[in-house]
């Protein structure tokens, strides 16, 4: 694996960690407090496991992005993020809504914030990979 994949992995891991903190600890704090009966108390949460999940996500998002990247810039990254966001945010948000007694508002917010996070991650990956990917593919041909 090349250096850009490892750099992308680290950058995406940091971005996901920050965005997840903002969404879940700031933006959705009130929604979680109003549904506290559904969640573990903070003291019992396995916080470390979130970071394992973020690392897994960051690695595979970066790897998949690297395999199809055409060097078309930020719009290509946003499109990648949109597709991945739709693939993951809809089932997570609305699957949870179907199975758990959460409000529709929370499900919708999970979907919208999740989609936005993936679009941001796609843009970040496009910035990390840059236009050099096109040069490398042409030279490899």
N, C-alpha and C. Protein backbone atom coordinates (compact mmCIF):
# COMPACT_ATOMS: atom_id res chain seq x y z
N UNK A 1 0.84 -1.17 0.00
CA UNK A 1 0.00 0.00 0.00
C UNK A 1 0.89 1.24 0.00
N UNK A 2 0.44 2.21 -0.76
CA UNK A 2 1.27 3.41 -0.88
C UNK A 2 1.06 4.40 0.27
N UNK A 3 1.93 5.38 0.30
CA UNK A 3 1.94 6.37 1.37
C UNK A 3 0.64 7.17 1.44
N UNK A 4 0.02 7.46 0.30
CA UNK A 4 -1.23 8.25 0.31
C UNK A 4 -2.35 7.51 1.05
N UNK A 5 -2.37 6.19 0.92
CA UNK A 5 -3.40 5.42 1.63
C UNK A 5 -3.21 5.56 3.13
N UNK A 6 -1.98 5.46 3.60
CA UNK A 6 -1.73 5.57 5.04
C UNK A 6 -1.99 6.99 5.54
N UNK A 7 -1.61 7.98 4.76
CA UNK A 7 -1.90 9.37 5.14
C UNK A 7 -3.41 9.59 5.16
N UNK A 8 -4.10 9.11 4.12
CA UNK A 8 -5.55 9.23 4.07
C UNK A 8 -6.22 8.56 5.25
N UNK A 9 -5.74 7.37 5.60
CA UNK A 9 -6.28 6.63 6.74
C UNK A 9 -6.19 7.45 8.02
N UNK A 10 -5.01 8.00 8.29
CA UNK A 10 -4.81 8.78 9.51
C UNK A 10 -5.67 10.04 9.51
N UNK A 11 -5.67 10.76 8.39
CA UNK A 11 -6.44 12.00 8.31
C UNK A 11 -7.94 11.71 8.46
N UNK A 12 -8.42 10.69 7.78
CA UNK A 12 -9.85 10.34 7.85
C UNK A 12 -10.21 9.88 9.26
N UNK A 13 -9.34 9.12 9.91
CA UNK A 13 -9.59 8.70 11.29
C UNK A 13 -9.77 9.92 12.20
N UNK A 14 -8.89 10.90 12.06
CA UNK A 14 -8.98 12.11 12.88
C UNK A 14 -10.27 12.88 12.55
N UNK A 15 -10.58 13.02 11.27
CA UNK A 15 -11.79 13.75 10.86
C UNK A 15 -13.05 13.06 11.38
N UNK A 16 -13.12 11.74 11.22
CA UNK A 16 -14.29 11.00 11.73
C UNK A 16 -14.40 11.17 13.24
N UNK A 17 -13.30 11.04 13.95
CA UNK A 17 -13.32 11.18 15.41
C UNK A 17 -13.85 12.55 15.83
N UNK A 18 -13.41 13.59 15.16
CA UNK A 18 -13.86 14.95 15.48
C UNK A 18 -15.33 15.13 15.13
N UNK A 19 -15.72 14.70 13.92
CA UNK A 19 -17.11 14.87 13.51
C UNK A 19 -18.06 14.08 14.40
N UNK A 20 -17.69 12.86 14.75
CA UNK A 20 -18.55 12.04 15.62
C UNK A 20 -18.70 12.70 17.00
N UNK A 21 -17.63 13.29 17.51
CA UNK A 21 -17.73 13.99 18.79
C UNK A 21 -18.70 15.17 18.67
N UNK A 22 -18.54 15.97 17.61
CA UNK A 22 -19.40 17.14 17.42
C UNK A 22 -20.86 16.71 17.29
N UNK A 23 -21.11 15.71 16.46
CA UNK A 23 -22.50 15.28 16.24
C UNK A 23 -23.09 14.67 17.51
N UNK A 24 -22.39 13.72 18.11
CA UNK A 24 -22.98 12.96 19.21
C UNK A 24 -22.87 13.62 20.57
N UNK A 25 -21.84 14.42 20.80
CA UNK A 25 -21.68 15.04 22.12
C UNK A 25 -22.19 16.47 22.18
N UNK A 26 -22.37 17.09 21.02
CA UNK A 26 -22.83 18.48 21.00
C UNK A 26 -24.21 18.58 20.35
N UNK A 27 -24.28 18.26 19.06
CA UNK A 27 -25.52 18.49 18.31
C UNK A 27 -26.68 17.59 18.76
N UNK A 28 -26.40 16.35 19.11
CA UNK A 28 -27.47 15.42 19.49
C UNK A 28 -27.57 15.19 21.00
N UNK A 29 -26.83 15.96 21.77
CA UNK A 29 -26.81 15.77 23.22
C UNK A 29 -28.21 15.79 23.82
N UNK A 30 -29.01 16.77 23.44
CA UNK A 30 -30.38 16.87 23.97
C UNK A 30 -31.24 15.69 23.59
N UNK A 31 -31.11 15.25 22.34
CA UNK A 31 -31.90 14.09 21.88
C UNK A 31 -31.51 12.83 22.67
N UNK A 32 -30.23 12.67 22.93
CA UNK A 32 -29.78 11.50 23.70
C UNK A 32 -30.24 11.59 25.16
N UNK A 33 -30.23 12.79 25.71
CA UNK A 33 -30.69 12.96 27.09
C UNK A 33 -32.17 12.65 27.22
N UNK A 34 -32.95 13.00 26.19
CA UNK A 34 -34.40 12.74 26.27
C UNK A 34 -34.74 11.26 26.03
N UNK A 35 -33.78 10.49 25.55
CA UNK A 35 -33.99 9.05 25.35
C UNK A 35 -32.97 8.25 26.16
N UNK A 36 -32.58 8.77 27.32
CA UNK A 36 -31.52 8.17 28.14
C UNK A 36 -31.80 6.72 28.52
N UNK A 37 -33.07 6.35 28.59
CA UNK A 37 -33.41 4.98 28.95
C UNK A 37 -32.96 3.96 27.90
N UNK A 38 -32.60 4.42 26.70
CA UNK A 38 -32.18 3.50 25.63
C UNK A 38 -30.67 3.24 25.61
N UNK A 39 -29.89 4.07 26.28
CA UNK A 39 -28.43 4.00 26.16
C UNK A 39 -27.79 3.58 27.47
N UNK A 40 -26.60 3.05 27.36
CA UNK A 40 -25.81 2.78 28.56
C UNK A 40 -25.48 4.11 29.23
N UNK A 41 -25.36 4.12 30.54
CA UNK A 41 -24.84 5.33 31.19
C UNK A 41 -23.42 5.59 30.67
N UNK A 42 -23.03 6.84 30.60
CA UNK A 42 -21.72 7.20 30.04
C UNK A 42 -20.60 6.41 30.71
N UNK A 43 -20.70 6.23 32.00
CA UNK A 43 -19.65 5.51 32.74
C UNK A 43 -19.53 4.04 32.28
N UNK A 44 -20.59 3.49 31.73
CA UNK A 44 -20.57 2.09 31.29
C UNK A 44 -20.32 1.93 29.79
N UNK A 45 -20.28 3.04 29.07
CA UNK A 45 -20.06 2.95 27.62
C UNK A 45 -18.65 2.46 27.32
N UNK A 46 -18.53 1.73 26.26
CA UNK A 46 -17.24 1.21 25.81
C UNK A 46 -16.68 2.21 24.78
N UNK A 47 -16.26 3.37 25.27
CA UNK A 47 -15.81 4.46 24.41
C UNK A 47 -14.68 4.02 23.49
N UNK A 48 -13.77 3.21 24.00
CA UNK A 48 -12.64 2.74 23.19
C UNK A 48 -13.11 2.04 21.93
N UNK A 49 -14.27 1.36 22.02
CA UNK A 49 -14.77 0.62 20.86
C UNK A 49 -15.19 1.55 19.73
N UNK A 50 -15.64 2.75 20.06
CA UNK A 50 -15.96 3.72 19.02
C UNK A 50 -14.73 4.00 18.16
N UNK A 51 -13.57 4.13 18.81
CA UNK A 51 -12.35 4.44 18.07
C UNK A 51 -11.87 3.26 17.23
N UNK A 52 -12.15 2.06 17.67
CA UNK A 52 -11.87 0.88 16.83
C UNK A 52 -12.74 0.92 15.58
N UNK A 53 -14.00 1.25 15.76
CA UNK A 53 -14.92 1.37 14.63
C UNK A 53 -14.47 2.50 13.69
N UNK A 54 -14.09 3.65 14.23
CA UNK A 54 -13.62 4.76 13.40
C UNK A 54 -12.39 4.36 12.60
N UNK A 55 -11.48 3.62 13.22
CA UNK A 55 -10.26 3.17 12.52
C UNK A 55 -10.62 2.23 11.38
N UNK A 56 -11.52 1.31 11.65
CA UNK A 56 -11.98 0.38 10.61
C UNK A 56 -12.61 1.15 9.45
N UNK A 57 -13.51 2.05 9.77
CA UNK A 57 -14.16 2.88 8.74
C UNK A 57 -13.13 3.67 7.96
N UNK A 58 -12.23 4.33 8.66
CA UNK A 58 -11.23 5.19 8.01
C UNK A 58 -10.36 4.38 7.06
N UNK A 59 -9.93 3.23 7.49
CA UNK A 59 -9.06 2.42 6.64
C UNK A 59 -9.78 1.97 5.37
N UNK A 60 -10.96 1.40 5.53
CA UNK A 60 -11.64 0.86 4.35
C UNK A 60 -12.22 1.93 3.45
N UNK A 61 -12.67 3.05 4.00
CA UNK A 61 -13.10 4.16 3.14
C UNK A 61 -11.93 4.65 2.30
N UNK A 62 -10.76 4.78 2.93
CA UNK A 62 -9.57 5.24 2.21
C UNK A 62 -9.14 4.23 1.16
N UNK A 63 -9.13 2.97 1.52
CA UNK A 63 -8.73 1.93 0.58
C UNK A 63 -9.67 1.88 -0.63
N UNK A 64 -10.97 1.87 -0.39
CA UNK A 64 -11.94 1.83 -1.48
C UNK A 64 -11.83 3.08 -2.35
N UNK A 65 -11.69 4.24 -1.72
CA UNK A 65 -11.54 5.48 -2.48
C UNK A 65 -10.30 5.40 -3.38
N UNK A 66 -9.22 4.89 -2.84
CA UNK A 66 -7.96 4.84 -3.61
C UNK A 66 -8.06 3.96 -4.84
N UNK A 67 -8.90 2.95 -4.80
CA UNK A 67 -9.03 2.01 -5.92
C UNK A 67 -9.79 2.61 -7.10
N UNK A 68 -10.66 3.57 -6.85
CA UNK A 68 -11.45 4.14 -7.94
C UNK A 68 -11.18 5.59 -8.24
N UNK A 69 -10.26 6.21 -7.50
CA UNK A 69 -10.02 7.63 -7.65
C UNK A 69 -9.46 7.96 -9.03
N UNK A 70 -10.07 8.93 -9.68
CA UNK A 70 -9.67 9.33 -11.03
C UNK A 70 -8.99 10.69 -11.07
N UNK A 71 -8.78 11.31 -9.92
CA UNK A 71 -8.09 12.59 -9.88
C UNK A 71 -8.91 13.76 -10.37
N UNK A 72 -10.23 13.68 -10.23
CA UNK A 72 -11.10 14.75 -10.73
C UNK A 72 -11.40 15.81 -9.69
N UNK A 73 -10.79 15.71 -8.52
CA UNK A 73 -10.89 16.77 -7.53
C UNK A 73 -11.97 16.59 -6.49
N UNK A 74 -12.29 17.70 -5.86
CA UNK A 74 -13.19 17.74 -4.71
C UNK A 74 -14.59 17.22 -5.05
N UNK A 75 -15.08 17.53 -6.24
CA UNK A 75 -16.42 17.06 -6.61
C UNK A 75 -16.47 15.53 -6.64
N UNK A 76 -15.39 14.92 -7.09
CA UNK A 76 -15.35 13.45 -7.09
C UNK A 76 -15.38 12.91 -5.65
N UNK A 77 -14.67 13.58 -4.75
CA UNK A 77 -14.70 13.17 -3.34
C UNK A 77 -16.08 13.35 -2.73
N UNK A 78 -16.73 14.46 -3.04
CA UNK A 78 -18.08 14.70 -2.51
C UNK A 78 -19.06 13.65 -3.04
N UNK A 79 -18.93 13.30 -4.31
CA UNK A 79 -19.80 12.26 -4.89
C UNK A 79 -19.56 10.91 -4.21
N UNK A 80 -18.29 10.56 -4.01
CA UNK A 80 -17.96 9.32 -3.30
C UNK A 80 -18.61 9.33 -1.91
N UNK A 81 -18.45 10.44 -1.19
CA UNK A 81 -19.03 10.56 0.14
C UNK A 81 -20.55 10.46 0.13
N UNK A 82 -21.17 11.05 -0.89
CA UNK A 82 -22.63 10.97 -1.01
C UNK A 82 -23.08 9.52 -1.19
N UNK A 83 -22.42 8.80 -2.10
CA UNK A 83 -22.79 7.40 -2.35
C UNK A 83 -22.60 6.54 -1.11
N UNK A 84 -21.45 6.69 -0.47
CA UNK A 84 -21.17 5.89 0.72
C UNK A 84 -22.11 6.31 1.85
N UNK A 85 -22.36 7.61 1.96
CA UNK A 85 -23.28 8.10 2.98
C UNK A 85 -24.68 7.53 2.82
N UNK A 86 -25.16 7.50 1.60
CA UNK A 86 -26.48 6.92 1.36
C UNK A 86 -26.48 5.42 1.68
N UNK A 87 -25.39 4.75 1.33
CA UNK A 87 -25.27 3.31 1.58
C UNK A 87 -25.31 2.99 3.07
N UNK A 88 -24.69 3.83 3.89
CA UNK A 88 -24.60 3.53 5.32
C UNK A 88 -25.54 4.31 6.21
N UNK A 89 -25.81 5.58 5.90
CA UNK A 89 -26.61 6.41 6.79
C UNK A 89 -28.09 6.04 6.78
N UNK A 90 -28.62 5.69 5.62
CA UNK A 90 -30.05 5.32 5.56
C UNK A 90 -30.32 4.05 6.38
N UNK A 91 -29.58 2.95 6.15
CA UNK A 91 -29.86 1.75 6.95
C UNK A 91 -29.63 1.95 8.45
N UNK A 92 -28.57 2.69 8.81
CA UNK A 92 -28.31 2.89 10.23
C UNK A 92 -29.43 3.70 10.88
N UNK A 93 -29.79 4.81 10.27
CA UNK A 93 -30.78 5.70 10.87
C UNK A 93 -32.17 5.08 10.86
N UNK A 94 -32.59 4.63 9.71
CA UNK A 94 -33.97 4.15 9.60
C UNK A 94 -34.14 2.71 10.05
N UNK A 95 -33.07 1.92 9.99
CA UNK A 95 -33.11 0.58 10.59
C UNK A 95 -33.25 0.69 12.10
N UNK A 96 -32.52 1.64 12.69
CA UNK A 96 -32.63 1.87 14.13
C UNK A 96 -34.02 2.38 14.49
N UNK A 97 -34.55 3.27 13.66
CA UNK A 97 -35.89 3.81 13.89
C UNK A 97 -36.93 2.69 13.85
N UNK A 98 -36.75 1.75 12.94
CA UNK A 98 -37.69 0.63 12.83
C UNK A 98 -37.63 -0.29 14.04
N UNK A 99 -36.45 -0.42 14.65
CA UNK A 99 -36.27 -1.40 15.72
C UNK A 99 -36.30 -0.81 17.13
N UNK A 100 -36.08 0.49 17.26
CA UNK A 100 -35.96 1.10 18.58
C UNK A 100 -37.01 2.20 18.77
N UNK A 101 -37.40 2.43 20.00
CA UNK A 101 -38.39 3.48 20.26
C UNK A 101 -37.75 4.88 20.31
N UNK A 102 -37.13 5.26 19.20
CA UNK A 102 -36.56 6.61 19.10
C UNK A 102 -37.53 7.48 18.29
N UNK A 103 -37.37 8.77 18.41
CA UNK A 103 -38.23 9.68 17.65
C UNK A 103 -37.80 9.71 16.19
N UNK A 104 -38.73 10.08 15.33
CA UNK A 104 -38.38 10.22 13.92
C UNK A 104 -37.34 11.33 13.76
N UNK A 105 -37.43 12.35 14.58
CA UNK A 105 -36.48 13.46 14.52
C UNK A 105 -35.05 12.96 14.72
N UNK A 106 -34.84 12.06 15.67
CA UNK A 106 -33.50 11.53 15.91
C UNK A 106 -33.03 10.71 14.71
N UNK A 107 -33.91 9.89 14.16
CA UNK A 107 -33.54 9.09 12.98
C UNK A 107 -33.16 10.00 11.82
N UNK A 108 -33.94 11.02 11.60
CA UNK A 108 -33.65 11.95 10.51
C UNK A 108 -32.32 12.66 10.74
N UNK A 109 -32.08 13.08 11.97
CA UNK A 109 -30.80 13.73 12.27
C UNK A 109 -29.64 12.77 12.09
N UNK A 110 -29.77 11.53 12.51
CA UNK A 110 -28.72 10.53 12.28
C UNK A 110 -28.44 10.41 10.78
N UNK A 111 -29.50 10.34 10.00
CA UNK A 111 -29.33 10.22 8.55
C UNK A 111 -28.61 11.45 7.98
N UNK A 112 -29.12 12.63 8.28
CA UNK A 112 -28.55 13.86 7.70
C UNK A 112 -27.12 14.11 8.16
N UNK A 113 -26.87 13.96 9.46
CA UNK A 113 -25.50 14.16 9.96
C UNK A 113 -24.57 13.09 9.42
N UNK A 114 -25.06 11.86 9.36
CA UNK A 114 -24.23 10.78 8.81
C UNK A 114 -23.88 11.04 7.36
N UNK A 115 -24.85 11.46 6.58
CA UNK A 115 -24.62 11.78 5.18
C UNK A 115 -23.60 12.91 5.04
N UNK A 116 -23.77 13.94 5.83
CA UNK A 116 -22.84 15.07 5.80
C UNK A 116 -21.43 14.63 6.18
N UNK A 117 -21.31 13.77 7.18
CA UNK A 117 -19.99 13.28 7.59
C UNK A 117 -19.30 12.54 6.45
N UNK A 118 -20.01 11.68 5.76
CA UNK A 118 -19.41 10.93 4.67
C UNK A 118 -19.02 11.83 3.50
N UNK A 119 -19.83 12.84 3.22
CA UNK A 119 -19.47 13.79 2.16
C UNK A 119 -18.19 14.53 2.55
N UNK A 120 -18.10 14.96 3.79
CA UNK A 120 -16.88 15.63 4.26
C UNK A 120 -15.68 14.70 4.15
N UNK A 121 -15.84 13.45 4.55
CA UNK A 121 -14.74 12.48 4.45
C UNK A 121 -14.33 12.29 2.99
N UNK A 122 -15.29 12.22 2.08
CA UNK A 122 -14.96 12.08 0.66
C UNK A 122 -14.17 13.28 0.15
N UNK A 123 -14.57 14.46 0.56
CA UNK A 123 -13.84 15.67 0.16
C UNK A 123 -12.42 15.64 0.72
N UNK A 124 -12.29 15.25 1.98
CA UNK A 124 -10.97 15.16 2.60
C UNK A 124 -10.10 14.17 1.83
N UNK A 125 -10.66 13.03 1.46
CA UNK A 125 -9.88 12.05 0.69
C UNK A 125 -9.45 12.60 -0.66
N UNK A 126 -10.34 13.33 -1.33
CA UNK A 126 -9.97 13.93 -2.61
C UNK A 126 -8.82 14.93 -2.42
N UNK A 127 -8.85 15.66 -1.34
CA UNK A 127 -7.77 16.62 -1.07
C UNK A 127 -6.46 15.89 -0.76
N UNK A 128 -6.54 14.80 -0.02
CA UNK A 128 -5.33 14.03 0.30
C UNK A 128 -4.73 13.41 -0.96
N UNK A 129 -5.57 12.83 -1.80
CA UNK A 129 -5.07 12.15 -2.99
C UNK A 129 -4.69 13.13 -4.10
N UNK A 130 -5.36 14.26 -4.16
CA UNK A 130 -5.00 15.32 -5.10
C UNK A 130 -5.00 14.90 -6.55
N UNK A 131 -4.44 15.76 -7.40
CA UNK A 131 -4.39 15.53 -8.85
C UNK A 131 -3.29 14.55 -9.23
N UNK A 132 -2.36 14.27 -8.33
CA UNK A 132 -1.24 13.40 -8.63
C UNK A 132 -1.70 12.00 -9.02
N UNK A 133 -2.86 11.58 -8.56
CA UNK A 133 -3.35 10.24 -8.89
C UNK A 133 -3.48 10.07 -10.39
N UNK A 134 -3.89 11.13 -11.10
CA UNK A 134 -4.03 11.07 -12.55
C UNK A 134 -2.66 10.85 -13.19
N UNK A 135 -1.69 11.58 -12.74
CA UNK A 135 -0.33 11.45 -13.29
C UNK A 135 0.19 10.04 -13.07
N UNK A 136 -0.01 9.48 -11.88
CA UNK A 136 0.47 8.14 -11.60
C UNK A 136 -0.21 7.11 -12.48
N UNK A 137 -1.52 7.23 -12.71
CA UNK A 137 -2.24 6.26 -13.53
C UNK A 137 -1.78 6.35 -14.99
N UNK A 138 -1.56 7.55 -15.49
CA UNK A 138 -1.11 7.72 -16.87
C UNK A 138 0.28 7.13 -17.03
N UNK A 139 1.15 7.37 -16.09
CA UNK A 139 2.52 6.87 -16.17
C UNK A 139 2.56 5.36 -16.02
N UNK A 140 1.62 4.78 -15.27
CA UNK A 140 1.59 3.34 -15.09
C UNK A 140 1.06 2.61 -16.32
N UNK A 141 0.33 3.31 -17.17
CA UNK A 141 -0.29 2.68 -18.34
C UNK A 141 0.72 2.35 -19.42
